[in-house]
């Protein structure tokens, strides 16, 4: 297989070695975290590259979670 794929579901279940069909389904679900690696090339590029790749993919998720928590907080405070 020319790639390795991992998927962490919203429930916290980690799936490894996904098929192309499973990758497509995970991507289209827009839930959880999907990681597709091109036969280890990503890791061969070094720690800095890997760190930037993780940050680029995780920070938008953290930002979205922050926005949602702020909306929840505002709603709770307005109903108090």
PDB file of N, CA and C in Angstrom:
ATOM      1  N   UNK A   1       0.853  -1.175   0.000  1.00  0.00           N
ATOM      2  CA  UNK A   1       0.000   0.000   0.000  1.00  0.00           C
ATOM      3  C   UNK A   1       0.900   1.239   0.000  1.00  0.00           C
ATOM      4  N   UNK A   2       0.609   2.229  -0.831  1.00  0.00           N
ATOM      5  CA  UNK A   2       1.469   3.408  -0.925  1.00  0.00           C
ATOM      6  C   UNK A   2       1.303   4.393   0.228  1.00  0.00           C
ATOM      7  N   UNK A   3       0.418   4.074   1.179  1.00  0.00           N
ATOM      8  CA  UNK A   3       0.179   4.979   2.288  1.00  0.00           C
ATOM      9  C   UNK A   3      -0.246   4.194   3.521  1.00  0.00           C
ATOM     10  N   UNK A   4      -0.149   4.862   4.653  1.00  0.00           N
ATOM     11  CA  UNK A   4      -0.650   4.320   5.913  1.00  0.00           C
ATOM     12  C   UNK A   4      -1.618   5.347   6.470  1.00  0.00           C
ATOM     13  N   UNK A   5      -2.750   4.886   6.955  1.00  0.00           N
ATOM     14  CA  UNK A   5      -3.754   5.812   7.455  1.00  0.00           C
ATOM     15  C   UNK A   5      -4.203   5.429   8.855  1.00  0.00           C
ATOM     16  N   UNK A   6      -4.445   6.457   9.662  1.00  0.00           N
ATOM     17  CA  UNK A   6      -4.932   6.301  11.025  1.00  0.00           C
ATOM     18  C   UNK A   6      -6.157   7.187  11.184  1.00  0.00           C
ATOM     19  N   UNK A   7      -7.111   6.721  11.974  1.00  0.00           N
ATOM     20  CA  UNK A   7      -8.308   7.515  12.245  1.00  0.00           C
ATOM     21  C   UNK A   7      -8.661   7.386  13.713  1.00  0.00           C
ATOM     22  N   UNK A   8      -8.770   8.526  14.381  1.00  0.00           N
ATOM     23  CA  UNK A   8      -9.213   8.564  15.768  1.00  0.00           C
ATOM     24  C   UNK A   8     -10.652   9.055  15.765  1.00  0.00           C
ATOM     25  N   UNK A   9     -11.571   8.163  16.107  1.00  0.00           N
ATOM     26  CA  UNK A   9     -12.990   8.503  16.075  1.00  0.00           C
ATOM     27  C   UNK A   9     -13.329   9.476  17.201  1.00  0.00           C
ATOM     28  N   UNK A  10     -14.472  10.150  17.102  1.00  0.00           N
ATOM     29  CA  UNK A  10     -14.885  11.058  18.180  1.00  0.00           C
ATOM     30  C   UNK A  10     -15.028  10.337  19.525  1.00  0.00           C
ATOM     31  N   UNK A  11     -15.258   9.021  19.474  1.00  0.00           N
ATOM     32  CA  UNK A  11     -15.396   8.229  20.699  1.00  0.00           C
ATOM     33  C   UNK A  11     -14.045   7.825  21.276  1.00  0.00           C
ATOM     34  N   UNK A  12     -12.960   8.112  20.553  1.00  0.00           N
ATOM     35  CA  UNK A  12     -11.622   7.802  21.047  1.00  0.00           C
ATOM     36  C   UNK A  12     -11.058   6.475  20.559  1.00  0.00           C
ATOM     37  N   UNK A  13     -11.732   5.817  19.632  1.00  0.00           N
ATOM     38  CA  UNK A  13     -11.246   4.545  19.091  1.00  0.00           C
ATOM     39  C   UNK A  13     -10.249   4.824  17.960  1.00  0.00           C
ATOM     40  N   UNK A  14      -9.062   4.225  18.048  1.00  0.00           N
ATOM     41  CA  UNK A  14      -8.032   4.408  17.032  1.00  0.00           C
ATOM     42  C   UNK A  14      -8.073   3.262  16.043  1.00  0.00           C
ATOM     43  N   UNK A  15      -8.207   3.591  14.759  1.00  0.00           N
ATOM     44  CA  UNK A  15      -8.176   2.593  13.687  1.00  0.00           C
ATOM     45  C   UNK A  15      -6.878   2.777  12.914  1.00  0.00           C
ATOM     46  N   UNK A  16      -6.244   1.666  12.533  1.00  0.00           N
ATOM     47  CA  UNK A  16      -4.985   1.703  11.785  1.00  0.00           C
ATOM     48  C   UNK A  16      -5.153   0.998  10.457  1.00  0.00           C
ATOM     49  N   UNK A  17      -4.284   1.350   9.518  1.00  0.00           N
ATOM     50  CA  UNK A  17      -4.246   0.688   8.209  1.00  0.00           C
ATOM     51  C   UNK A  17      -5.604   0.711   7.514  1.00  0.00           C
ATOM     52  N   UNK A  18      -6.181   1.887   7.422  1.00  0.00           N
ATOM     53  CA  UNK A  18      -7.468   2.032   6.769  1.00  0.00           C
ATOM     54  C   UNK A  18      -7.351   1.791   5.270  1.00  0.00           C
ATOM     55  N   UNK A  19      -8.402   1.278   4.690  1.00  0.00           N
ATOM     56  CA  UNK A  19      -8.473   1.117   3.237  1.00  0.00           C
ATOM     57  C   UNK A  19      -8.838   2.466   2.630  1.00  0.00           C
ATOM     58  N   UNK A  20      -8.735   2.572   1.310  1.00  0.00           N
ATOM     59  CA  UNK A  20      -9.120   3.825   0.652  1.00  0.00           C
ATOM     60  C   UNK A  20     -10.584   4.154   0.923  1.00  0.00           C
ATOM     61  N   UNK A  21     -11.428   3.135   0.950  1.00  0.00           N
ATOM     62  CA  UNK A  21     -12.857   3.347   1.215  1.00  0.00           C
ATOM     63  C   UNK A  21     -13.068   3.878   2.641  1.00  0.00           C
ATOM     64  N   UNK A  22     -12.333   3.332   3.615  1.00  0.00           N
ATOM     65  CA  UNK A  22     -12.447   3.789   4.992  1.00  0.00           C
ATOM     66  C   UNK A  22     -11.907   5.209   5.159  1.00  0.00           C
ATOM     67  N   UNK A  23     -10.832   5.531   4.439  1.00  0.00           N
ATOM     68  CA  UNK A  23     -10.284   6.889   4.478  1.00  0.00           C
ATOM     69  C   UNK A  23     -11.310   7.881   3.948  1.00  0.00           C
ATOM     70  N   UNK A  24     -11.924   7.531   2.834  1.00  0.00           N
ATOM     71  CA  UNK A  24     -12.929   8.413   2.232  1.00  0.00           C
ATOM     72  C   UNK A  24     -14.101   8.625   3.191  1.00  0.00           C
ATOM     73  N   UNK A  25     -14.556   7.552   3.825  1.00  0.00           N
ATOM     74  CA  UNK A  25     -15.672   7.654   4.759  1.00  0.00           C
ATOM     75  C   UNK A  25     -15.302   8.521   5.964  1.00  0.00           C
ATOM     76  N   UNK A  26     -14.093   8.336   6.495  1.00  0.00           N
ATOM     77  CA  UNK A  26     -13.643   9.132   7.645  1.00  0.00           C
ATOM     78  C   UNK A  26     -13.540  10.600   7.260  1.00  0.00           C
ATOM     79  N   UNK A  27     -12.994  10.874   6.083  1.00  0.00           N
ATOM     80  CA  UNK A  27     -12.847  12.250   5.615  1.00  0.00           C
ATOM     81  C   UNK A  27     -14.210  12.913   5.426  1.00  0.00           C
ATOM     82  N   UNK A  28     -15.117  12.195   4.799  1.00  0.00           N
ATOM     83  CA  UNK A  28     -16.438  12.762   4.518  1.00  0.00           C
ATOM     84  C   UNK A  28     -17.285  12.937   5.774  1.00  0.00           C
ATOM     85  N   UNK A  29     -16.961  12.181   6.837  1.00  0.00           N
ATOM     86  CA  UNK A  29     -17.733  12.311   8.076  1.00  0.00           C
ATOM     87  C   UNK A  29     -17.476  13.648   8.762  1.00  0.00           C
ATOM     88  N   UNK A  30     -16.306  14.261   8.479  1.00  0.00           N
ATOM     89  CA  UNK A  30     -15.916  15.536   9.099  1.00  0.00           C
ATOM     90  C   UNK A  30     -15.920  15.444  10.625  1.00  0.00           C
ATOM     91  N   UNK A  31     -15.620  14.251  11.133  1.00  0.00           N
ATOM     92  CA  UNK A  31     -15.548  14.033  12.576  1.00  0.00           C
ATOM     93  C   UNK A  31     -14.253  13.301  12.877  1.00  0.00           C
ATOM     94  N   UNK A  32     -13.795  13.392  14.105  1.00  0.00           N
ATOM     95  CA  UNK A  32     -12.580  12.696  14.496  1.00  0.00           C
ATOM     96  C   UNK A  32     -11.349  13.304  13.844  1.00  0.00           C
ATOM     97  N   UNK A  33     -10.224  12.583  13.952  1.00  0.00           N
ATOM     98  CA  UNK A  33      -8.969  13.028  13.364  1.00  0.00           C
ATOM     99  C   UNK A  33      -8.466  11.966  12.400  1.00  0.00           C
ATOM    100  N   UNK A  34      -8.159  12.371  11.192  1.00  0.00           N
ATOM    101  CA  UNK A  34      -7.663  11.464  10.155  1.00  0.00           C
ATOM    102  C   UNK A  34      -6.231  11.844   9.831  1.00  0.00           C
ATOM    103  N   UNK A  35      -5.351  10.838   9.809  1.00  0.00           N
ATOM    104  CA  UNK A  35      -3.934  11.063   9.490  1.00  0.00           C
ATOM    105  C   UNK A  35      -3.551  10.080   8.403  1.00  0.00           C
ATOM    106  N   UNK A  36      -3.077  10.593   7.261  1.00  0.00           N
ATOM    107  CA  UNK A  36      -2.631   9.746   6.161  1.00  0.00           C
ATOM    108  C   UNK A  36      -1.164  10.050   5.915  1.00  0.00           C
ATOM    109  N   UNK A  37      -0.351   8.996   5.937  1.00  0.00           N
ATOM    110  CA  UNK A  37       1.095   9.128   5.804  1.00  0.00           C
ATOM    111  C   UNK A  37       1.539   8.454   4.510  1.00  0.00           C
ATOM    112  N   UNK A  38       2.380   9.115   3.777  1.00  0.00           N
ATOM    113  CA  UNK A  38       2.878   8.609   2.505  1.00  0.00           C
ATOM    114  C   UNK A  38       4.089   7.702   2.733  1.00  0.00           C
ATOM    115  N   UNK A  39       3.841   6.449   3.139  1.00  0.00           N
ATOM    116  CA  UNK A  39       4.884   5.447   3.386  1.00  0.00           C
ATOM    117  C   UNK A  39       6.048   5.937   4.225  1.00  0.00           C
ATOM    118  N   UNK A  40       5.753   6.664   5.277  1.00  0.00           N
ATOM    119  CA  UNK A  40       6.804   7.085   6.186  1.00  0.00           C
ATOM    120  C   UNK A  40       7.605   8.285   5.734  1.00  0.00           C
ATOM    121  N   UNK A  41       7.334   8.810   4.559  1.00  0.00           N
ATOM    122  CA  UNK A  41       8.099   9.975   4.089  1.00  0.00           C
ATOM    123  C   UNK A  41       7.972  11.144   5.046  1.00  0.00           C
ATOM    124  N   UNK A  42       6.797  11.283   5.630  1.00  0.00           N
ATOM    125  CA  UNK A  42       6.576  12.396   6.561  1.00  0.00           C
ATOM    126  C   UNK A  42       7.563  12.312   7.719  1.00  0.00           C
ATOM    127  N   UNK A  43       7.732  11.114   8.267  1.00  0.00           N
ATOM    128  CA  UNK A  43       8.641  10.957   9.395  1.00  0.00           C
ATOM    129  C   UNK A  43      10.094  11.131   8.973  1.00  0.00           C
ATOM    130  N   UNK A  44      10.429  10.811   7.746  1.00  0.00           N
ATOM    131  CA  UNK A  44      11.794  10.962   7.249  1.00  0.00           C
ATOM    132  C   UNK A  44      12.177  12.429   7.073  1.00  0.00           C
ATOM    133  N   UNK A  45      11.215  13.302   7.041  1.00  0.00           N
ATOM    134  CA  UNK A  45      11.490  14.734   6.863  1.00  0.00           C
ATOM    135  C   UNK A  45      11.946  15.393   8.158  1.00  0.00           C
ATOM    136  N   UNK A  46      11.850  14.694   9.250  1.00  0.00           N
ATOM    137  CA  UNK A  46      12.365  15.216  10.507  1.00  0.00           C
ATOM    138  C   UNK A  46      11.296  15.656  11.479  1.00  0.00           C
ATOM    139  N   UNK A  47      11.739  15.856  12.692  1.00  0.00           N
ATOM    140  CA  UNK A  47      10.849  16.202  13.790  1.00  0.00           C
ATOM    141  C   UNK A  47      10.194  17.559  13.579  1.00  0.00           C
ATOM    142  N   UNK A  48      10.946  18.536  13.090  1.00  0.00           N
ATOM    143  CA  UNK A  48      10.374  19.871  12.884  1.00  0.00           C
ATOM    144  C   UNK A  48       9.228  19.841  11.888  1.00  0.00           C
ATOM    145  N   UNK A  49       9.416  19.100  10.795  1.00  0.00           N
ATOM    146  CA  UNK A  49       8.354  19.006   9.802  1.00  0.00           C
ATOM    147  C   UNK A  49       7.127  18.333  10.402  1.00  0.00           C
ATOM    148  N   UNK A  50       7.355  17.251  11.147  1.00  0.00           N
ATOM    149  CA  UNK A  50       6.244  16.545  11.771  1.00  0.00           C
ATOM    150  C   UNK A  50       5.517  17.452  12.760  1.00  0.00           C
ATOM    151  N   UNK A  51       6.256  18.204  13.556  1.00  0.00           N
ATOM    152  CA  UNK A  51       5.644  19.118  14.523  1.00  0.00           C
ATOM    153  C   UNK A  51       4.782  20.159  13.811  1.00  0.00           C
ATOM    154  N   UNK A  52       5.289  20.719  12.733  1.00  0.00           N
ATOM    155  CA  UNK A  52       4.508  21.723  11.981  1.00  0.00           C
ATOM    156  C   UNK A  52       3.273  21.087  11.362  1.00  0.00           C
ATOM    157  N   UNK A  53       3.402  19.875  10.853  1.00  0.00           N
ATOM    158  CA  UNK A  53       2.251  19.194  10.259  1.00  0.00           C
ATOM    159  C   UNK A  53       1.173  18.946  11.314  1.00  0.00           C
ATOM    160  N   UNK A  54       1.585  18.520  12.496  1.00  0.00           N
ATOM    161  CA  UNK A  54       0.627  18.291  13.570  1.00  0.00           C
ATOM    162  C   UNK A  54      -0.034  19.591  14.000  1.00  0.00           C
ATOM    163  N   UNK A  55       0.779  20.632  14.182  1.00  0.00           N
ATOM    164  CA  UNK A  55       0.243  21.931  14.609  1.00  0.00           C
ATOM    165  C   UNK A  55      -0.736  22.474  13.577  1.00  0.00           C
ATOM    166  N   UNK A  56      -0.369  22.372  12.299  1.00  0.00           N
ATOM    167  CA  UNK A  56      -1.239  22.880  11.236  1.00  0.00           C
ATOM    168  C   UNK A  56      -2.575  22.157  11.205  1.00  0.00           C
ATOM    169  N   UNK A  57      -2.590  20.894  11.624  1.00  0.00           N
ATOM    170  CA  UNK A  57      -3.826  20.119  11.583  1.00  0.00           C
ATOM    171  C   UNK A  57      -4.577  20.112  12.899  1.00  0.00           C
ATOM    172  N   UNK A  58      -3.889  20.287  14.003  1.00  0.00           N
ATOM    173  CA  UNK A  58      -4.548  20.235  15.306  1.00  0.00           C
ATOM    174  C   UNK A  58      -5.050  21.600  15.749  1.00  0.00           C
ATOM    175  N   UNK A  59      -4.288  22.645  15.482  1.00  0.00           N
ATOM    176  CA  UNK A  59      -4.699  23.978  15.949  1.00  0.00           C
ATOM    177  C   UNK A  59      -6.064  24.412  15.420  1.00  0.00           C
ATOM    178  N   UNK A  60      -6.390  24.172  14.152  1.00  0.00           N
ATOM    179  CA  UNK A  60      -7.743  24.553  13.715  1.00  0.00           C
ATOM    180  C   UNK A  60      -8.835  23.829  14.507  1.00  0.00           C
ATOM    181  N   UNK A  61      -8.585  22.584  14.881  1.00  0.00           N
ATOM    182  CA  UNK A  61      -9.551  21.840  15.685  1.00  0.00           C
ATOM    183  C   UNK A  61      -9.668  22.446  17.075  1.00  0.00           C
ATOM    184  N   UNK A  62      -8.544  22.787  17.676  1.00  0.00           N
ATOM    185  CA  UNK A  62      -8.545  23.411  19.000  1.00  0.00           C
ATOM    186  C   UNK A  62      -9.250  24.767  18.932  1.00  0.00           C
ATOM    187  N   UNK A  63      -8.980  25.532  17.880  1.00  0.00           N
ATOM    188  CA  UNK A  63      -9.642  26.832  17.714  1.00  0.00           C
ATOM    189  C   UNK A  63     -11.160  26.663  17.623  1.00  0.00           C
ATOM    190  N   UNK A  64     -11.600  25.674  16.866  1.00  0.00           N
ATOM    191  CA  UNK A  64     -13.035  25.423  16.713  1.00  0.00           C
ATOM    192  C   UNK A  64     -13.649  25.029  18.051  1.00  0.00           C
ATOM    193  N   UNK A  65     -12.939  24.174  18.807  1.00  0.00           N
ATOM    194  CA  UNK A  65     -13.426  23.771  20.121  1.00  0.00           C
ATOM    195  C   UNK A  65     -13.509  24.969  21.062  1.00  0.00           C
ATOM    196  N   UNK A  66     -12.543  25.884  20.967  1.00  0.00           N
ATOM    197  CA  UNK A  66     -12.554  27.092  21.789  1.00  0.00           C
ATOM    198  C   UNK A  66     -13.771  27.944  21.457  1.00  0.00           C
ATOM    199  N   UNK A  67     -14.043  28.108  20.170  1.00  0.00           N
ATOM    200  CA  UNK A  67     -15.206  28.889  19.747  1.00  0.00           C
ATOM    201  C   UNK A  67     -16.496  28.275  20.283  1.00  0.00           C
ATOM    202  N   UNK A  68     -16.607  26.961  20.176  1.00  0.00           N
ATOM    203  CA  UNK A  68     -17.816  26.287  20.662  1.00  0.00           C
ATOM    204  C   UNK A  68     -17.972  26.425  22.169  1.00  0.00           C
ATOM    205  N   UNK A  69     -16.861  26.294  22.901  1.00  0.00           N
ATOM    206  CA  UNK A  69     -16.950  26.420  24.362  1.00  0.00           C
ATOM    207  C   UNK A  69     -17.326  27.846  24.759  1.00  0.00           C
ATOM    208  N   UNK A  70     -16.851  28.834  24.012  1.00  0.00           N
ATOM    209  CA  UNK A  70     -17.221  30.224  24.307  1.00  0.00           C
ATOM    210  C   UNK A  70     -18.705  30.454  24.045  1.00  0.00           C
ATOM    211  N   UNK A  71     -19.224  29.848  22.970  1.00  0.00           N
ATOM    212  CA  UNK A  71     -20.649  29.976  22.677  1.00  0.00           C
ATOM    213  C   UNK A  71     -21.494  29.330  23.774  1.00  0.00           C
ATOM    214  N   UNK A  72     -21.050  28.167  24.250  1.00  0.00           N
ATOM    215  CA  UNK A  72     -21.763  27.487  25.330  1.00  0.00           C
ATOM    216  C   UNK A  72     -21.730  28.324  26.603  1.00  0.00           C
ATOM    217  N   UNK A  73     -20.542  28.876  26.901  1.00  0.00           N
ATOM    218  CA  UNK A  73     -20.409  29.713  28.090  1.00  0.00           C
ATOM    219  C   UNK A  73     -21.325  30.930  28.023  1.00  0.00           C
ATOM    220  N   UNK A  74     -21.401  31.562  26.855  1.00  0.00           N
ATOM    221  CA  UNK A  74     -22.276  32.723  26.687  1.00  0.00           C
ATOM    222  C   UNK A  74     -23.735  32.344  26.889  1.00  0.00           C
ATOM    223  N   UNK A  75     -24.109  31.190  26.352  1.00  0.00           N
ATOM    224  CA  UNK A  75     -25.494  30.748  26.494  1.00  0.00           C
ATOM    225  C   UNK A  75     -25.827  30.428  27.947  1.00  0.00           C
ATOM    226  N   UNK A  76     -24.908  29.769  28.640  1.00  0.00           N
ATOM    227  CA  UNK A  76     -25.128  29.446  30.059  1.00  0.00           C
ATOM    228  C   UNK A  76     -25.250  30.741  30.864  1.00  0.00           C
ATOM    229  N   UNK A  77     -24.370  31.697  30.622  1.00  0.00           N
ATOM    230  CA  UNK A  77     -24.407  32.952  31.357  1.00  0.00           C
ATOM    231  C   UNK A  77     -25.657  33.766  31.062  1.00  0.00           C
ATOM    232  N   UNK A  78     -26.142  33.698  29.842  1.00  0.00           N
ATOM    233  CA  UNK A  78     -27.353  34.462  29.507  1.00  0.00           C
ATOM    234  C   UNK A  78     -28.603  33.814  30.101  1.00  0.00           C
ATOM    235  N   UNK A  79     -28.559  32.533  30.399  1.00  0.00           N
ATOM    236  CA  UNK A  79     -29.708  31.835  30.988  1.00  0.00           C
ATOM    237  C   UNK A  79     -29.636  31.766  32.506  1.00  0.00           C
ATOM    238  N   UNK A  80     -28.548  32.283  33.086  1.00  0.00           N
ATOM    239  CA  UNK A  80     -28.382  32.197  34.546  1.00  0.00           C
ATOM    240  C   UNK A  80     -29.154  33.262  35.269  1.00  0.00           C
TER     241      UNK A  80
END
